[in-house]
Amino acid sequence: MKIYCVGGAVRDELLGLPVKDRDYVVVGATPEEMAKQGYKPVGRDFPVFLHPETHEEYALARTERKTARGYHGFEFRAAPDVTLEQDLARRDLTINAIARDTDGRILDPHNGTADLKAGVLRHVSPAFAEDPVRILRVARFAARFGFRIAPETLELMRGMAENGEADALVPERVWQELARGLMEARPSRMFEVLRECEALVHVMPEVDALWDEPEAADAAMRALDASAQAGASLAARFAALTRLLEPLAVESLSARLKVPSECRDLALLAARHTNTIVDAVELDASTLLELFNATDLWRRPERFAELIVAALAGELDAQAARARLEHARAAAMAVNAGEIAKTCRNPGEIQKKVAAERLAAIARAIKNN
């Protein structure tokens, strides 16, 4: 039995990046032998085990064969006679097909270390085309590392999009990859790659439509990267990406990809209110109060703060708009609704008085600033 560290851990170590998780491949073993040594089985589709002490994943070396379209259409074979080279050959990119043995020796049958040095994302074999998720993974890695994509790999990805493989993607898997890509330092690169290989129209047609007007696409990519530079949350980055879409398009996209509710809701608010927020320096007290009411500032102040980040990301006058909104927000939030309620005789009167006090507070704030 031989054990090798493989995949992302080896890649990131060679790049000098911190390693979060390590995965291992075990060659020459059976499930029974792994169990005897204390490894706990966790894999459902193929034999994967957890180390009894470190709880890191150890998978038996395996091969795979395409049996149907889509992410789940594979048949796996794990056996003691499967070699490390055979296991590595089924992986997506050469930079992810590098192994390190227990003595620290690097095994690199597909020249992944050379592609790491050159900054190239290159597929290992034609079997790459059998898994449509790999289109999304390549786009995500491009956003993470800033690597270029080998021409032959880009052409293969384009062919996968054209033949309908991308249409077989499971919504949850698409969102998982997109969400990870959105959290990279330059997330726009992911969408540029998906657009370049003609897959974006299949996974996010609403976003792809932005390229019908190049200025809109440029604005969306600029906003997305600006939100990333600001360290924005996933919800704020998704909202920055989609803020130029019509609300119905945001709803359609979110429903189809089963986007988490906090991301969907913030994106909808951004689609409805970005123009108002961007023009904040020109707004009067009444319009600002309407904005605060419409976005439920009173109950969701944290979400409103994320909305401002998403709506103003990449905008030239963001600082002035943000300052005006903050002054108005702070003044309105300082109004003590509870104290006002004590002076009123009926509930209807409370709402009117609170609104009047908030309006007056906002007016004073923007007049003085």
Protein backbone atom coordinates (compact mmCIF):
# COMPACT_ATOMS: atom_id res chain seq x y z
CA MET A 1 0.00 0.00 0.00
CA LYS A 2 1.36 3.42 -0.99
CA ILE A 3 -0.02 6.81 -0.03
CA TYR A 4 0.31 10.04 -2.00
CA CYS A 5 -0.79 13.60 -1.28
CA VAL A 6 -2.54 14.86 -4.41
CA GLY A 7 -4.40 17.73 -6.01
CA GLY A 8 -4.88 21.20 -4.62
CA ALA A 9 -2.63 20.76 -1.58
CA VAL A 10 0.39 19.89 -3.71
CA ARG A 11 -0.46 22.65 -6.21
CA ASP A 12 -0.76 25.32 -3.53
CA GLU A 13 2.42 24.21 -1.76
CA LEU A 14 4.34 24.56 -5.04
CA LEU A 15 2.84 28.03 -5.48
CA GLY A 16 3.84 29.00 -1.96
CA LEU A 17 0.22 29.41 -0.88
CA PRO A 18 -1.29 28.30 2.43
CA VAL A 19 -2.86 24.85 2.37
CA LYS A 20 -6.24 24.40 4.06
CA ASP A 21 -7.04 20.77 3.30
CA ARG A 22 -5.00 17.81 2.13
CA ASP A 23 -6.34 14.91 0.11
CA TYR A 24 -4.61 11.58 -0.31
CA VAL A 25 -4.73 8.73 -2.80
CA VAL A 26 -4.05 5.21 -1.63
CA VAL A 27 -2.63 2.75 -4.18
CA GLY A 28 -2.66 -1.01 -3.73
CA ALA A 29 -5.24 -1.29 -0.96
CA THR A 30 -8.77 -2.64 -0.52
CA PRO A 31 -11.60 -1.21 1.59
CA GLU A 32 -11.15 -4.08 4.01
CA GLU A 33 -7.48 -3.28 4.51
CA MET A 34 -8.27 0.38 5.12
CA ALA A 35 -10.90 -0.53 7.72
CA LYS A 36 -8.45 -2.84 9.52
CA GLN A 37 -6.05 0.07 9.93
CA GLY A 38 -8.74 2.20 11.53
CA TYR A 39 -9.79 4.33 8.56
CA LYS A 40 -13.51 5.18 8.60
CA PRO A 41 -15.43 4.85 5.30
CA VAL A 42 -17.44 7.92 4.21
CA GLY A 43 -17.71 7.64 0.42
CA ARG A 44 -20.97 6.68 -1.20
CA ASP A 45 -19.99 6.70 -4.90
CA PHE A 46 -16.46 5.39 -4.41
CA PRO A 47 -14.27 4.32 -1.45
CA VAL A 48 -13.19 7.35 0.58
CA PHE A 49 -11.94 7.05 4.16
CA LEU A 50 -11.13 9.38 7.03
CA HIS A 51 -7.81 9.02 8.80
CA PRO A 52 -8.43 7.80 12.38
CA GLU A 53 -6.41 10.68 13.90
CA THR A 54 -6.20 13.60 11.42
CA HIS A 55 -9.62 12.96 9.83
CA GLU A 56 -8.15 13.89 6.44
CA GLU A 57 -9.59 12.17 3.36
CA TYR A 58 -7.91 9.12 1.86
CA ALA A 59 -9.42 7.80 -1.37
CA LEU A 60 -8.56 4.53 -3.05
CA ALA A 61 -6.98 5.05 -6.47
CA ARG A 62 -9.68 4.83 -9.11
CA THR A 63 -10.52 5.18 -12.75
CA GLU A 64 -13.77 6.49 -14.17
CA ARG A 65 -15.84 5.94 -17.29
CA LYS A 66 -18.51 8.20 -18.75
CA THR A 67 -21.92 6.47 -18.85
CA ALA A 68 -24.41 9.35 -19.26
CA ARG A 69 -24.60 13.10 -19.75
CA GLY A 70 -24.06 15.45 -16.84
CA TYR A 71 -22.17 15.57 -13.57
CA HIS A 72 -23.45 12.25 -12.19
CA GLY A 73 -23.06 10.20 -15.36
CA PHE A 74 -19.91 8.30 -14.35
CA GLU A 75 -18.97 4.78 -13.42
CA PHE A 76 -16.01 4.46 -11.05
CA ARG A 77 -13.64 1.55 -10.53
CA ALA A 78 -11.46 1.42 -7.41
CA ALA A 79 -9.17 -1.60 -7.09
CA PRO A 80 -5.68 -2.48 -5.80
CA ASP A 81 -4.34 -2.70 -9.36
CA VAL A 82 -5.26 0.90 -10.25
CA THR A 83 -2.02 2.88 -10.47
CA LEU A 84 -1.28 6.41 -9.35
CA GLU A 85 -0.78 7.41 -13.00
CA GLN A 86 -4.24 6.09 -13.87
CA ASP A 87 -5.79 7.98 -10.97
CA LEU A 88 -4.07 11.24 -11.92
CA ALA A 89 -5.10 10.84 -15.57
CA ARG A 90 -8.78 11.25 -14.66
CA ARG A 91 -8.22 14.70 -13.10
CA ASP A 92 -9.21 17.95 -14.75
CA LEU A 93 -6.11 20.13 -15.07
CA THR A 94 -2.41 19.37 -15.15
CA ILE A 95 -1.82 21.66 -12.16
CA ASN A 96 -4.24 19.48 -10.18
CA ALA A 97 -2.66 16.20 -11.34
CA ILE A 98 0.54 16.42 -9.32
CA ALA A 99 1.31 14.05 -6.45
CA ARG A 100 3.83 13.94 -3.60
CA ASP A 101 4.87 10.69 -1.94
CA THR A 102 5.63 10.16 1.74
CA ASP A 103 9.31 10.98 1.12
CA GLY A 104 8.41 14.37 -0.35
CA ARG A 105 9.19 13.36 -3.94
CA ILE A 106 7.03 15.03 -6.61
CA LEU A 107 5.38 12.80 -9.23
CA ASP A 108 4.17 14.78 -12.21
CA PRO A 109 3.27 12.63 -15.23
CA HIS A 110 1.37 15.45 -16.97
CA ASN A 111 3.90 18.27 -16.55
CA GLY A 112 1.71 20.24 -14.19
CA THR A 113 4.69 21.89 -12.51
CA ALA A 114 5.71 23.42 -15.84
CA ASP A 115 2.20 24.79 -16.33
CA LEU A 116 2.29 26.19 -12.79
CA LYS A 117 5.48 28.09 -13.58
CA ALA A 118 4.06 29.32 -16.91
CA GLY A 119 0.69 30.26 -15.41
CA VAL A 120 -1.34 28.03 -17.71
CA LEU A 121 -4.56 26.09 -17.14
CA ARG A 122 -4.40 23.01 -19.36
CA HIS A 123 -6.61 19.90 -19.40
CA VAL A 124 -5.05 16.54 -18.65
CA SER A 125 -6.80 14.46 -21.31
CA PRO A 126 -9.78 14.50 -23.71
CA ALA A 127 -11.78 12.96 -20.82
CA PHE A 128 -12.00 16.53 -19.50
CA ALA A 129 -14.97 16.98 -21.84
CA GLU A 130 -16.96 14.31 -20.00
CA ASP A 131 -17.66 16.48 -16.93
CA PRO A 132 -19.38 19.85 -17.54
CA VAL A 133 -18.56 21.08 -14.02
CA ARG A 134 -14.98 21.39 -15.22
CA ILE A 135 -15.96 24.39 -17.34
CA LEU A 136 -16.92 26.22 -14.17
CA ARG A 137 -13.85 25.00 -12.30
CA VAL A 138 -11.47 26.27 -14.98
CA ALA A 139 -13.20 29.66 -14.97
CA ARG A 140 -12.94 29.74 -11.17
CA PHE A 141 -9.25 28.84 -11.21
CA ALA A 142 -8.66 31.58 -13.77
CA ALA A 143 -10.21 34.05 -11.32
CA ARG A 144 -8.17 32.69 -8.41
CA PHE A 145 -4.73 32.47 -9.96
CA GLY A 146 -4.93 34.87 -12.90
CA PHE A 147 -3.63 32.09 -15.17
CA ARG A 148 -4.32 32.04 -18.89
CA ILE A 149 -6.16 29.10 -20.45
CA ALA A 150 -4.37 26.94 -22.98
CA PRO A 151 -5.96 27.45 -26.45
CA GLU A 152 -6.73 23.75 -26.82
CA THR A 153 -8.45 23.70 -23.42
CA LEU A 154 -10.54 26.76 -24.25
CA GLU A 155 -11.55 25.17 -27.52
CA LEU A 156 -12.55 21.98 -25.71
CA MET A 157 -14.64 24.00 -23.26
CA ARG A 158 -16.33 25.79 -26.15
CA GLY A 159 -17.18 22.47 -27.75
CA MET A 160 -18.69 21.22 -24.49
CA ALA A 161 -20.93 24.29 -24.34
CA GLU A 162 -21.98 23.86 -27.95
CA ASN A 163 -22.89 20.18 -27.61
CA GLY A 164 -25.18 20.77 -24.64
CA GLU A 165 -23.05 19.37 -21.81
CA ALA A 166 -23.44 22.62 -19.89
CA ASP A 167 -27.23 22.24 -20.03
CA ALA A 168 -26.97 19.08 -17.92
CA LEU A 169 -25.40 20.87 -14.96
CA VAL A 170 -27.20 20.51 -11.63
CA PRO A 171 -28.30 23.97 -10.33
CA GLU A 172 -26.86 23.42 -6.86
CA ARG A 173 -23.47 22.46 -8.35
CA VAL A 174 -23.49 25.51 -10.61
CA TRP A 175 -24.19 27.84 -7.71
CA GLN A 176 -21.53 26.15 -5.58
CA GLU A 177 -18.85 26.85 -8.19
CA LEU A 178 -20.13 30.35 -8.96
CA ALA A 179 -20.23 31.24 -5.27
CA ARG A 180 -16.64 30.12 -4.81
CA GLY A 181 -15.59 32.08 -7.88
CA LEU A 182 -17.40 35.19 -6.68
CA MET A 183 -15.25 35.13 -3.56
CA GLU A 184 -11.97 35.22 -5.49
CA ALA A 185 -9.82 38.36 -5.66
CA ARG A 186 -10.78 39.08 -9.28
CA PRO A 187 -14.14 37.38 -9.84
CA SER A 188 -14.82 39.13 -13.15
CA ARG A 189 -12.26 36.82 -14.74
CA MET A 190 -14.55 33.85 -14.11
CA PHE A 191 -17.38 35.44 -16.08
CA GLU A 192 -15.06 36.59 -18.84
CA VAL A 193 -13.88 32.99 -19.28
CA LEU A 194 -17.43 31.62 -19.26
CA ARG A 195 -18.37 34.21 -21.85
CA GLU A 196 -15.30 33.44 -23.97
CA CYS A 197 -16.06 29.72 -24.12
CA GLU A 198 -19.75 30.46 -24.75
CA ALA A 199 -20.91 28.73 -21.58
CA LEU A 200 -22.24 31.79 -19.76
CA VAL A 201 -25.36 31.89 -21.89
CA HIS A 202 -26.16 28.36 -20.72
CA VAL A 203 -25.56 28.82 -16.98
CA MET A 204 -26.48 32.50 -16.50
CA PRO A 205 -28.29 33.77 -19.61
CA GLU A 206 -29.50 36.85 -17.74
CA VAL A 207 -25.91 37.92 -16.99
CA ASP A 208 -24.75 36.92 -20.47
CA ALA A 209 -27.34 39.33 -21.90
CA LEU A 210 -25.41 42.23 -20.36
CA TRP A 211 -22.88 41.82 -23.17
CA ASP A 212 -25.56 42.94 -25.65
CA GLU A 213 -24.54 46.39 -24.40
CA PRO A 214 -20.76 46.33 -23.84
CA GLU A 215 -20.94 49.34 -21.49
CA ALA A 216 -23.34 47.43 -19.25
CA ALA A 217 -21.07 44.38 -19.18
CA ASP A 218 -18.04 46.55 -18.38
CA ALA A 219 -19.95 48.27 -15.58
CA ALA A 220 -21.05 44.93 -14.09
CA MET A 221 -17.52 43.50 -14.16
CA ARG A 222 -16.09 46.70 -12.70
CA ALA A 223 -18.67 46.67 -9.91
CA LEU A 224 -18.00 43.01 -9.17
CA ASP A 225 -14.25 43.46 -8.87
CA ALA A 226 -14.68 46.63 -6.80
CA SER A 227 -16.91 44.75 -4.37
CA ALA A 228 -14.23 42.05 -4.11
CA GLN A 229 -11.53 44.66 -3.43
CA ALA A 230 -13.74 46.04 -0.65
CA GLY A 231 -13.89 42.58 0.93
CA ALA A 232 -17.66 42.37 0.41
CA SER A 233 -19.75 39.36 1.39
CA LEU A 234 -20.96 36.79 -1.10
CA ALA A 235 -24.43 38.37 -1.09
CA ALA A 236 -23.01 41.83 -1.83
CA ARG A 237 -20.83 40.50 -4.65
CA PHE A 238 -23.75 38.68 -6.26
CA ALA A 239 -25.82 41.86 -5.95
CA ALA A 240 -23.03 43.94 -7.50
CA LEU A 241 -22.88 41.50 -10.43
CA THR A 242 -26.64 41.53 -11.06
CA ARG A 243 -27.62 45.07 -10.07
CA LEU A 244 -28.07 46.17 -13.69
CA LEU A 245 -30.57 43.39 -14.39
CA GLU A 246 -34.32 43.84 -14.22
CA PRO A 247 -35.78 42.51 -10.95
CA LEU A 248 -37.67 39.81 -12.84
CA ALA A 249 -34.40 38.62 -14.37
CA VAL A 250 -32.82 38.48 -10.90
CA GLU A 251 -35.78 36.45 -9.65
CA SER A 252 -35.56 34.06 -12.60
CA LEU A 253 -31.81 33.58 -12.23
CA SER A 254 -32.03 33.07 -8.48
CA ALA A 255 -34.87 30.58 -8.74
CA ARG A 256 -33.18 28.52 -11.44
CA LEU A 257 -29.83 28.28 -9.62
CA LYS A 258 -31.48 27.95 -6.19
CA VAL A 259 -29.53 30.92 -4.93
CA PRO A 260 -29.65 31.30 -1.12
CA SER A 261 -32.36 33.68 0.05
CA GLU A 262 -29.97 36.25 1.54
CA CYS A 263 -28.15 36.55 -1.81
CA ARG A 264 -31.40 36.67 -3.79
CA ASP A 265 -33.01 39.28 -1.55
CA LEU A 266 -30.03 41.61 -1.58
CA ALA A 267 -29.70 41.27 -5.35
CA LEU A 268 -33.37 42.18 -5.78
CA LEU A 269 -32.94 45.26 -3.63
CA ALA A 270 -29.90 46.28 -5.65
CA ALA A 271 -31.76 45.81 -8.93
CA ARG A 272 -34.60 48.00 -7.68
CA HIS A 273 -32.69 50.72 -5.86
CA THR A 274 -29.18 51.06 -7.28
CA ASN A 275 -30.04 54.08 -9.42
CA THR A 276 -31.53 55.86 -6.42
CA ILE A 277 -28.52 55.06 -4.24
CA VAL A 278 -26.04 56.20 -6.88
CA ASP A 279 -27.92 59.52 -7.15
CA ALA A 280 -28.06 59.97 -3.38
CA VAL A 281 -26.27 63.33 -3.45
CA GLU A 282 -29.19 64.75 -5.44
CA LEU A 283 -32.00 63.30 -3.33
CA ASP A 284 -34.22 65.26 -0.98
CA ALA A 285 -35.23 64.11 2.49
CA SER A 286 -38.53 62.66 1.34
CA THR A 287 -36.93 60.44 -1.31
CA LEU A 288 -34.27 59.27 1.13
CA LEU A 289 -36.95 58.31 3.63
CA GLU A 290 -38.78 56.38 0.90
CA LEU A 291 -35.55 54.52 0.16
CA PHE A 292 -35.06 53.63 3.82
CA ASN A 293 -38.64 52.39 4.10
CA ALA A 294 -38.49 50.38 0.88
CA THR A 295 -35.29 48.62 1.92
CA ASP A 296 -36.51 47.96 5.49
CA LEU A 297 -33.61 49.85 7.03
CA TRP A 298 -35.30 49.91 10.43
CA ARG A 299 -35.36 46.14 10.89
CA ARG A 300 -32.41 45.19 8.64
CA PRO A 301 -29.67 47.82 9.07
CA GLU A 302 -26.90 45.30 8.36
CA ARG A 303 -28.50 44.34 5.05
CA PHE A 304 -28.86 48.01 4.13
CA ALA A 305 -25.12 48.46 4.69
CA GLU A 306 -24.43 45.55 2.31
CA LEU A 307 -26.83 47.08 -0.21
CA ILE A 308 -24.83 50.30 -0.20
CA VAL A 309 -21.63 48.34 -0.83
CA ALA A 310 -23.20 46.48 -3.76
CA ALA A 311 -24.89 49.51 -5.29
CA LEU A 312 -21.89 51.85 -5.10
CA ALA A 313 -19.12 49.39 -5.97
CA GLY A 314 -17.09 50.80 -8.84
CA GLU A 315 -19.00 54.11 -8.98
CA LEU A 316 -16.95 57.29 -9.43
CA ASP A 317 -19.00 59.36 -6.97
CA ALA A 318 -19.36 56.58 -4.43
CA GLN A 319 -17.73 58.48 -1.58
CA ALA A 320 -20.10 61.46 -1.77
CA ALA A 321 -23.18 59.27 -2.13
CA ARG A 322 -22.09 57.04 0.74
CA ALA A 323 -21.46 60.02 3.01
CA ARG A 324 -24.88 61.55 2.32
CA LEU A 325 -26.63 58.24 2.88
CA GLU A 326 -24.75 57.65 6.12
CA HIS A 327 -25.63 61.06 7.52
CA ALA A 328 -29.28 60.58 6.61
CA ARG A 329 -29.35 57.01 7.91
CA ALA A 330 -27.77 57.89 11.25
CA ALA A 331 -30.18 60.79 11.76
CA ALA A 332 -33.23 58.71 10.93
CA MET A 333 -32.12 55.79 13.13
CA ALA A 334 -31.61 58.17 16.05
CA VAL A 335 -35.33 58.91 16.17
CA ASN A 336 -36.74 57.08 19.20
CA ALA A 337 -39.95 55.44 17.98
CA GLY A 338 -40.66 54.05 21.45
CA GLU A 339 -40.69 57.46 23.08
CA ILE A 340 -42.89 58.86 20.34
CA ALA A 341 -45.35 56.00 20.83
CA LYS A 342 -45.80 56.99 24.47
CA THR A 343 -47.17 60.37 23.39
CA CYS A 344 -49.74 58.96 20.94
CA ARG A 345 -53.29 57.83 21.59
CA ASN A 346 -53.67 55.30 18.74
CA PRO A 347 -51.41 53.13 16.53
CA GLY A 348 -52.15 55.09 13.37
CA GLU A 349 -50.91 58.26 14.97
CA ILE A 350 -47.65 56.58 16.01
CA GLN A 351 -46.71 55.69 12.44
CA LYS A 352 -47.39 59.22 11.19
CA LYS A 353 -45.44 60.90 13.97
CA VAL A 354 -42.45 58.57 13.64
CA ALA A 355 -42.36 59.18 9.88
CA ALA A 356 -42.58 62.94 10.39
CA GLU A 357 -39.77 62.92 12.95
CA ARG A 358 -37.56 60.78 10.71
CA LEU A 359 -38.21 63.07 7.75
CA ALA A 360 -37.31 66.13 9.79
CA ALA A 361 -34.15 64.47 11.12
CA ILE A 362 -33.03 63.52 7.62
CA ALA A 363 -33.71 67.04 6.34
CA ARG A 364 -31.56 68.54 9.09
CA ALA A 365 -28.76 66.05 8.46
CA ILE A 366 -28.45 66.65 4.73
CA LYS A 367 -28.76 70.41 5.18
CA ASN A 368 -25.84 70.48 7.58
CA ASN A 369 -23.62 68.27 5.44
